[in-house]
N, C-alpha and C. Protein backbone atom coordinates (compact mmCIF):
# COMPACT_ATOMS: atom_id res chain seq x y z
N UNK A 1 150.82 120.00 161.28
CA UNK A 1 151.66 120.10 162.44
C UNK A 1 153.12 119.87 162.08
N UNK A 2 154.02 120.73 162.52
CA UNK A 2 155.39 120.60 162.15
C UNK A 2 156.16 119.69 163.18
N UNK A 3 157.41 119.37 162.86
CA UNK A 3 158.26 118.56 163.78
C UNK A 3 158.51 119.21 165.09
N UNK A 4 158.53 120.55 165.10
CA UNK A 4 158.85 121.32 166.34
C UNK A 4 157.70 121.14 167.32
N UNK A 5 156.50 121.00 166.84
CA UNK A 5 155.35 120.81 167.73
C UNK A 5 155.38 119.57 168.57
N UNK A 6 156.13 118.59 167.97
CA UNK A 6 156.15 117.26 168.65
C UNK A 6 157.13 117.18 169.81
N UNK A 7 158.04 118.22 169.97
CA UNK A 7 158.98 118.18 171.03
C UNK A 7 158.35 118.66 172.31
N UNK A 8 158.45 117.85 173.29
CA UNK A 8 157.86 118.15 174.59
C UNK A 8 158.94 118.77 175.54
N UNK A 9 158.59 119.88 176.12
CA UNK A 9 159.51 120.60 176.97
C UNK A 9 159.02 120.45 178.41
N UNK A 10 159.94 119.85 179.23
CA UNK A 10 159.65 119.68 180.67
C UNK A 10 159.81 121.00 181.40
N UNK A 11 159.03 121.27 182.43
CA UNK A 11 159.27 122.50 183.21
C UNK A 11 160.63 122.45 183.88
N UNK A 12 161.23 123.56 184.14
CA UNK A 12 162.54 123.55 184.82
C UNK A 12 162.34 122.93 186.21
N UNK A 13 163.42 122.26 186.67
CA UNK A 13 163.46 121.56 187.91
C UNK A 13 164.49 122.20 188.80
N UNK A 14 164.03 122.49 190.03
CA UNK A 14 164.98 123.11 191.02
C UNK A 14 165.40 121.95 191.89
N UNK A 15 166.65 121.56 191.83
CA UNK A 15 167.22 120.49 192.63
C UNK A 15 167.80 120.99 193.94
N UNK A 16 167.58 122.21 194.28
CA UNK A 16 168.15 122.77 195.47
C UNK A 16 167.37 122.36 196.71
N UNK A 17 167.87 122.69 197.84
CA UNK A 17 167.28 122.37 199.17
C UNK A 17 167.00 123.74 199.91
N UNK A 18 165.82 123.89 200.42
CA UNK A 18 165.53 125.06 201.17
C UNK A 18 165.06 124.62 202.58
N UNK A 19 165.71 125.15 203.58
CA UNK A 19 165.33 124.92 204.94
C UNK A 19 165.13 126.21 205.59
N UNK A 20 163.99 126.43 206.34
CA UNK A 20 163.86 127.70 206.99
C UNK A 20 163.22 127.44 208.40
N UNK A 21 163.52 128.33 209.35
CA UNK A 21 162.86 128.24 210.63
C UNK A 21 163.26 127.10 211.50
N UNK A 22 163.25 127.32 212.79
CA UNK A 22 163.49 126.17 213.71
C UNK A 22 164.86 125.59 213.71
N UNK A 23 165.03 124.44 214.35
CA UNK A 23 166.24 123.75 214.39
C UNK A 23 166.15 122.52 213.47
N UNK A 24 167.12 122.30 212.67
CA UNK A 24 167.10 121.21 211.74
C UNK A 24 168.37 120.32 211.93
N UNK A 25 168.24 119.01 211.93
CA UNK A 25 169.37 118.12 211.99
C UNK A 25 169.41 117.38 210.66
N UNK A 26 170.37 117.54 209.89
CA UNK A 26 170.45 116.96 208.54
C UNK A 26 171.58 115.90 208.50
N UNK A 27 171.24 114.71 208.09
CA UNK A 27 172.27 113.69 207.97
C UNK A 27 172.83 113.70 206.53
N UNK A 28 173.22 112.64 206.02
CA UNK A 28 173.73 112.54 204.64
C UNK A 28 172.61 112.94 203.76
N UNK A 29 172.99 113.76 202.67
CA UNK A 29 171.99 114.25 201.89
C UNK A 29 172.58 114.36 200.46
N UNK A 30 171.69 114.04 199.52
CA UNK A 30 172.09 114.14 198.04
C UNK A 30 171.00 114.84 197.34
N UNK A 31 171.32 115.75 196.39
CA UNK A 31 170.28 116.50 195.75
C UNK A 31 170.64 116.43 194.19
N UNK A 32 169.61 116.28 193.42
CA UNK A 32 169.81 116.38 191.98
C UNK A 32 169.67 115.03 191.31
N UNK A 33 169.58 114.99 190.03
CA UNK A 33 169.38 113.81 189.23
C UNK A 33 170.58 112.80 189.37
N UNK A 34 170.33 111.62 189.88
CA UNK A 34 171.41 110.63 190.04
C UNK A 34 172.25 110.90 191.22
N UNK A 35 171.95 111.81 192.08
CA UNK A 35 172.78 112.10 193.31
C UNK A 35 172.69 110.94 194.25
N UNK A 36 173.79 110.73 194.95
CA UNK A 36 173.91 109.64 195.95
C UNK A 36 174.55 110.19 197.24
N UNK A 37 174.17 109.70 198.37
CA UNK A 37 174.79 110.16 199.61
C UNK A 37 175.36 108.90 200.31
N UNK A 38 176.52 108.88 200.85
CA UNK A 38 177.07 107.80 201.47
C UNK A 38 177.54 108.17 202.83
N UNK A 39 177.55 107.19 203.76
CA UNK A 39 178.08 107.39 205.08
C UNK A 39 179.06 106.31 205.47
N UNK A 40 179.74 106.57 206.45
CA UNK A 40 180.79 105.47 206.86
C UNK A 40 182.15 106.14 206.93
N UNK A 41 183.13 105.33 207.21
CA UNK A 41 184.47 105.87 207.34
C UNK A 41 185.12 106.21 206.02
N UNK A 42 185.92 107.17 205.97
CA UNK A 42 186.64 107.60 204.82
C UNK A 42 187.75 106.63 204.52
N UNK A 43 187.93 106.18 203.29
CA UNK A 43 189.01 105.25 203.01
C UNK A 43 190.36 106.00 202.99
N UNK A 44 191.37 105.31 203.15
CA UNK A 44 192.74 105.85 203.12
C UNK A 44 193.29 105.65 201.72
N UNK A 45 193.20 106.68 200.86
CA UNK A 45 193.56 106.58 199.50
C UNK A 45 195.09 106.72 199.33
N UNK A 46 195.72 106.21 198.27
CA UNK A 46 197.12 106.40 198.04
C UNK A 46 197.61 107.86 198.08
N UNK A 47 196.75 108.77 197.55
CA UNK A 47 197.16 110.18 197.57
C UNK A 47 197.22 110.71 199.00
N UNK A 48 196.31 110.13 199.86
CA UNK A 48 196.35 110.50 201.27
C UNK A 48 197.70 110.09 201.88
N UNK A 49 198.14 108.84 201.57
CA UNK A 49 199.40 108.39 202.09
C UNK A 49 200.52 109.21 201.64
N UNK A 50 200.45 109.61 200.37
CA UNK A 50 201.54 110.51 199.87
C UNK A 50 201.54 111.80 200.58
N UNK A 51 200.31 112.35 200.80
CA UNK A 51 200.18 113.72 201.49
C UNK A 51 200.73 113.64 202.91
N UNK A 52 200.42 112.49 203.59
CA UNK A 52 200.80 112.31 204.96
C UNK A 52 202.33 112.22 205.01
N UNK A 53 202.88 111.49 204.11
CA UNK A 53 204.42 111.35 204.05
C UNK A 53 205.04 112.71 203.76
N UNK A 54 204.48 113.46 202.86
CA UNK A 54 204.91 114.83 202.59
C UNK A 54 204.89 115.65 203.86
N UNK A 55 203.84 115.62 204.54
CA UNK A 55 203.64 116.39 205.76
C UNK A 55 204.62 115.99 206.86
N UNK A 56 204.78 114.63 207.00
CA UNK A 56 205.78 114.21 207.98
C UNK A 56 207.16 114.77 207.70
N UNK A 57 207.55 114.64 206.44
CA UNK A 57 208.87 115.27 206.08
C UNK A 57 208.94 116.77 206.26
N UNK A 58 207.83 117.40 206.04
CA UNK A 58 207.82 118.89 206.29
C UNK A 58 207.95 119.21 207.74
N UNK A 59 207.21 118.49 208.60
CA UNK A 59 207.28 118.70 210.03
C UNK A 59 208.72 118.47 210.54
N UNK A 60 209.40 117.42 210.01
CA UNK A 60 210.73 117.08 210.37
C UNK A 60 211.67 118.22 210.04
N UNK A 61 211.49 118.79 208.80
CA UNK A 61 212.36 119.88 208.37
C UNK A 61 212.12 121.07 209.32
N UNK A 62 210.89 121.46 209.59
CA UNK A 62 210.60 122.56 210.48
C UNK A 62 211.12 122.34 211.91
N UNK A 63 211.10 121.09 212.33
CA UNK A 63 211.70 120.75 213.66
C UNK A 63 213.17 121.13 213.69
N UNK A 64 213.82 120.74 212.67
CA UNK A 64 215.36 121.10 212.61
C UNK A 64 215.51 122.65 212.53
N UNK A 65 214.76 123.31 211.76
CA UNK A 65 214.87 124.77 211.65
C UNK A 65 214.53 125.53 212.94
N UNK A 66 213.58 125.04 213.67
CA UNK A 66 213.06 125.72 214.93
C UNK A 66 213.44 125.00 216.19
N UNK A 67 214.46 124.11 216.15
CA UNK A 67 214.81 123.29 217.23
C UNK A 67 215.05 124.11 218.54
N UNK A 68 215.86 125.25 218.38
CA UNK A 68 216.13 126.08 219.50
C UNK A 68 214.91 126.70 220.22
N UNK A 69 213.83 126.91 219.47
CA UNK A 69 212.67 127.50 220.06
C UNK A 69 211.74 126.54 220.81
N UNK A 70 212.02 125.24 220.71
CA UNK A 70 211.16 124.26 221.35
C UNK A 70 211.62 124.03 222.81
N UNK A 71 210.66 123.80 223.65
CA UNK A 71 211.01 123.62 225.05
C UNK A 71 211.73 122.32 225.27
N UNK A 72 211.29 121.18 224.50
CA UNK A 72 211.86 119.86 224.63
C UNK A 72 212.03 119.30 223.24
N UNK A 73 213.12 119.74 222.49
CA UNK A 73 213.19 119.24 221.12
C UNK A 73 213.42 117.75 220.93
N UNK A 74 214.08 117.10 221.91
CA UNK A 74 214.34 115.67 221.85
C UNK A 74 212.98 114.94 221.98
N UNK A 75 212.13 115.34 222.88
CA UNK A 75 210.85 114.61 223.09
C UNK A 75 209.94 114.92 221.80
N UNK A 76 210.09 116.01 221.33
CA UNK A 76 209.28 116.37 220.05
C UNK A 76 209.69 115.42 218.92
N UNK A 77 211.07 115.26 218.78
CA UNK A 77 211.60 114.35 217.74
C UNK A 77 211.14 112.93 217.99
N UNK A 78 211.23 112.52 219.29
CA UNK A 78 210.79 111.09 219.61
C UNK A 78 209.29 110.86 219.24
N UNK A 79 208.47 111.89 219.57
CA UNK A 79 207.03 111.75 219.34
C UNK A 79 206.70 111.71 217.81
N UNK A 80 207.44 112.46 217.02
CA UNK A 80 207.30 112.38 215.62
C UNK A 80 207.68 111.06 215.08
N UNK A 81 208.84 110.49 215.65
CA UNK A 81 209.30 109.22 215.20
C UNK A 81 208.23 108.14 215.62
N UNK A 82 207.68 108.21 216.77
CA UNK A 82 206.69 107.28 217.22
C UNK A 82 205.39 107.32 216.25
N UNK A 83 205.02 108.51 215.86
CA UNK A 83 203.94 108.72 214.94
C UNK A 83 204.32 108.04 213.56
N UNK A 84 205.49 108.31 213.05
CA UNK A 84 205.85 107.68 211.78
C UNK A 84 205.88 106.15 211.92
N UNK A 85 206.43 105.58 212.99
CA UNK A 85 206.51 104.15 213.13
C UNK A 85 205.07 103.59 213.17
N UNK A 86 204.16 104.22 213.83
CA UNK A 86 202.82 103.76 213.93
C UNK A 86 202.14 103.74 212.55
N UNK A 87 202.37 104.85 211.83
CA UNK A 87 201.79 104.95 210.42
C UNK A 87 202.43 103.95 209.54
N UNK A 88 203.59 103.48 209.79
CA UNK A 88 204.22 102.41 208.93
C UNK A 88 203.70 101.06 209.22
N UNK A 89 202.94 100.90 210.39
CA UNK A 89 202.35 99.57 210.74
C UNK A 89 201.35 99.20 209.69
N UNK A 90 201.12 97.87 209.47
CA UNK A 90 200.08 97.47 208.49
C UNK A 90 198.65 97.85 209.00
N UNK A 91 198.41 97.86 210.38
CA UNK A 91 197.18 98.19 210.95
C UNK A 91 197.39 99.25 212.06
N UNK A 92 197.61 100.55 211.71
CA UNK A 92 197.93 101.50 212.71
C UNK A 92 196.80 101.67 213.70
N UNK A 93 197.15 101.79 215.00
CA UNK A 93 196.20 101.94 216.04
C UNK A 93 195.67 103.36 216.26
N UNK A 94 194.40 103.64 216.09
CA UNK A 94 193.90 104.97 216.22
C UNK A 94 194.32 105.71 217.50
N UNK A 95 194.24 104.95 218.61
CA UNK A 95 194.55 105.55 219.94
C UNK A 95 196.05 106.06 219.98
N UNK A 96 196.96 105.22 219.47
CA UNK A 96 198.37 105.59 219.39
C UNK A 96 198.59 106.80 218.52
N UNK A 97 197.89 106.81 217.35
CA UNK A 97 198.04 107.92 216.50
C UNK A 97 197.51 109.16 217.10
N UNK A 98 196.36 109.13 217.73
CA UNK A 98 195.81 110.36 218.37
C UNK A 98 196.70 110.85 219.51
N UNK A 99 197.18 109.91 220.29
CA UNK A 99 198.04 110.27 221.46
C UNK A 99 199.31 110.94 220.91
N UNK A 100 199.96 110.37 219.89
CA UNK A 100 201.16 110.95 219.32
C UNK A 100 200.92 112.28 218.75
N UNK A 101 199.80 112.44 218.00
CA UNK A 101 199.43 113.75 217.47
C UNK A 101 199.16 114.83 218.54
N UNK A 102 198.44 114.39 219.61
CA UNK A 102 198.16 115.36 220.69
C UNK A 102 199.46 115.84 221.40
N UNK A 103 200.36 114.83 221.65
CA UNK A 103 201.63 115.18 222.32
C UNK A 103 202.47 116.04 221.43
N UNK A 104 202.53 115.67 220.19
CA UNK A 104 203.33 116.50 219.21
C UNK A 104 202.74 117.88 219.14
N UNK A 105 201.49 118.05 219.13
CA UNK A 105 200.86 119.39 219.08
C UNK A 105 201.25 120.16 220.33
N UNK A 106 201.23 119.60 221.53
CA UNK A 106 201.67 120.22 222.70
C UNK A 106 203.05 120.65 222.64
N UNK A 107 203.98 119.84 222.19
CA UNK A 107 205.38 120.14 222.13
C UNK A 107 205.71 121.27 221.23
N UNK A 108 204.98 121.46 220.12
CA UNK A 108 205.35 122.45 219.15
C UNK A 108 204.64 123.86 219.39
N UNK A 109 203.88 123.93 220.40
CA UNK A 109 203.03 125.17 220.59
C UNK A 109 203.74 126.44 220.50
N UNK A 110 204.98 126.60 220.96
CA UNK A 110 205.60 127.91 220.86
C UNK A 110 205.98 128.37 219.44
N UNK A 111 205.92 127.44 218.44
CA UNK A 111 206.36 127.78 217.13
C UNK A 111 205.22 127.63 216.13
N UNK A 112 204.76 128.76 215.70
CA UNK A 112 203.59 128.85 214.83
C UNK A 112 203.67 128.04 213.53
N UNK A 113 204.76 128.07 212.78
CA UNK A 113 204.85 127.22 211.56
C UNK A 113 204.65 125.74 211.86
N UNK A 114 205.21 125.33 213.04
CA UNK A 114 205.08 123.91 213.42
C UNK A 114 203.65 123.60 213.83
N UNK A 115 202.98 124.54 214.50
CA UNK A 115 201.66 124.27 214.96
C UNK A 115 200.77 124.11 213.74
N UNK A 116 200.92 124.97 212.75
CA UNK A 116 200.20 124.79 211.45
C UNK A 116 200.47 123.48 210.78
N UNK A 117 201.72 123.17 210.68
CA UNK A 117 202.07 121.91 209.98
C UNK A 117 201.59 120.68 210.69
N UNK A 118 201.65 120.64 211.99
CA UNK A 118 201.22 119.51 212.73
C UNK A 118 199.67 119.39 212.61
N UNK A 119 198.94 120.54 212.57
CA UNK A 119 197.54 120.56 212.33
C UNK A 119 197.20 119.97 211.00
N UNK A 120 197.93 120.28 209.98
CA UNK A 120 197.75 119.79 208.70
C UNK A 120 197.96 118.27 208.62
N UNK A 121 199.03 117.84 209.39
CA UNK A 121 199.41 116.41 209.47
C UNK A 121 198.27 115.65 210.14
N UNK A 122 197.70 116.24 211.24
CA UNK A 122 196.60 115.57 211.91
C UNK A 122 195.41 115.39 211.02
N UNK A 123 195.06 116.42 210.25
CA UNK A 123 193.97 116.31 209.32
C UNK A 123 194.20 115.23 208.23
N UNK A 124 195.43 115.08 207.82
CA UNK A 124 195.74 114.09 206.84
C UNK A 124 195.62 112.70 207.43
N UNK A 125 196.09 112.53 208.62
CA UNK A 125 196.05 111.25 209.34
C UNK A 125 194.64 110.82 209.65
N UNK A 126 193.72 111.83 209.82
CA UNK A 126 192.33 111.43 210.11
C UNK A 126 191.69 110.71 208.98
N UNK A 127 192.29 110.69 207.73
CA UNK A 127 191.75 109.96 206.66
C UNK A 127 191.89 108.41 206.82
N UNK A 128 192.63 107.95 207.85
CA UNK A 128 192.68 106.55 208.10
C UNK A 128 191.33 106.04 208.71
N UNK A 129 190.94 104.87 208.31
CA UNK A 129 189.75 104.24 208.89
C UNK A 129 189.88 104.12 210.39
N UNK A 130 188.80 104.49 211.10
CA UNK A 130 188.79 104.39 212.56
C UNK A 130 189.48 105.43 213.33
N UNK A 131 190.08 106.42 212.60
CA UNK A 131 190.74 107.52 213.38
C UNK A 131 189.80 108.67 213.52
C-alpha cells in the first residue's frame, strides 16, 4: 500500500441553502463552516461617523448651490443645523433625528440632488443604535 492510499477524501459539501414552495420567514441565518449569525442593533463605527459628517457637509454645499430652488431655504438650513446639533450630542435622541430627517426630506423635495443626498444621509444616520 502506498502513501497515497492512506489519504482520505471527504465528499464535497454543499453549504448553500435551498428553499422552495410556500411562504418562508427566515430570521438570521449563517451557512458554511464556522459561519455565525448575529442579531441586534448595528453599532456606530468611526467610519460611519466620518461618512455621516461627509454627507452633512455635502448636503450643506448642495443647499447653498440650490438655495433659490427651495420653497423655504431658511427652514431647510435650520433643520439641517438641528440635525447636526443632535448628532453632536453624546446620546442623540432617535426621535429627534428621525423628525429632523423627515422634515429635511420634505423641504428638499423639489431638488433631486438634495433628495438623493438627504436619503444617503438618512441611511448613514440609521447606523446609530436605536435609530
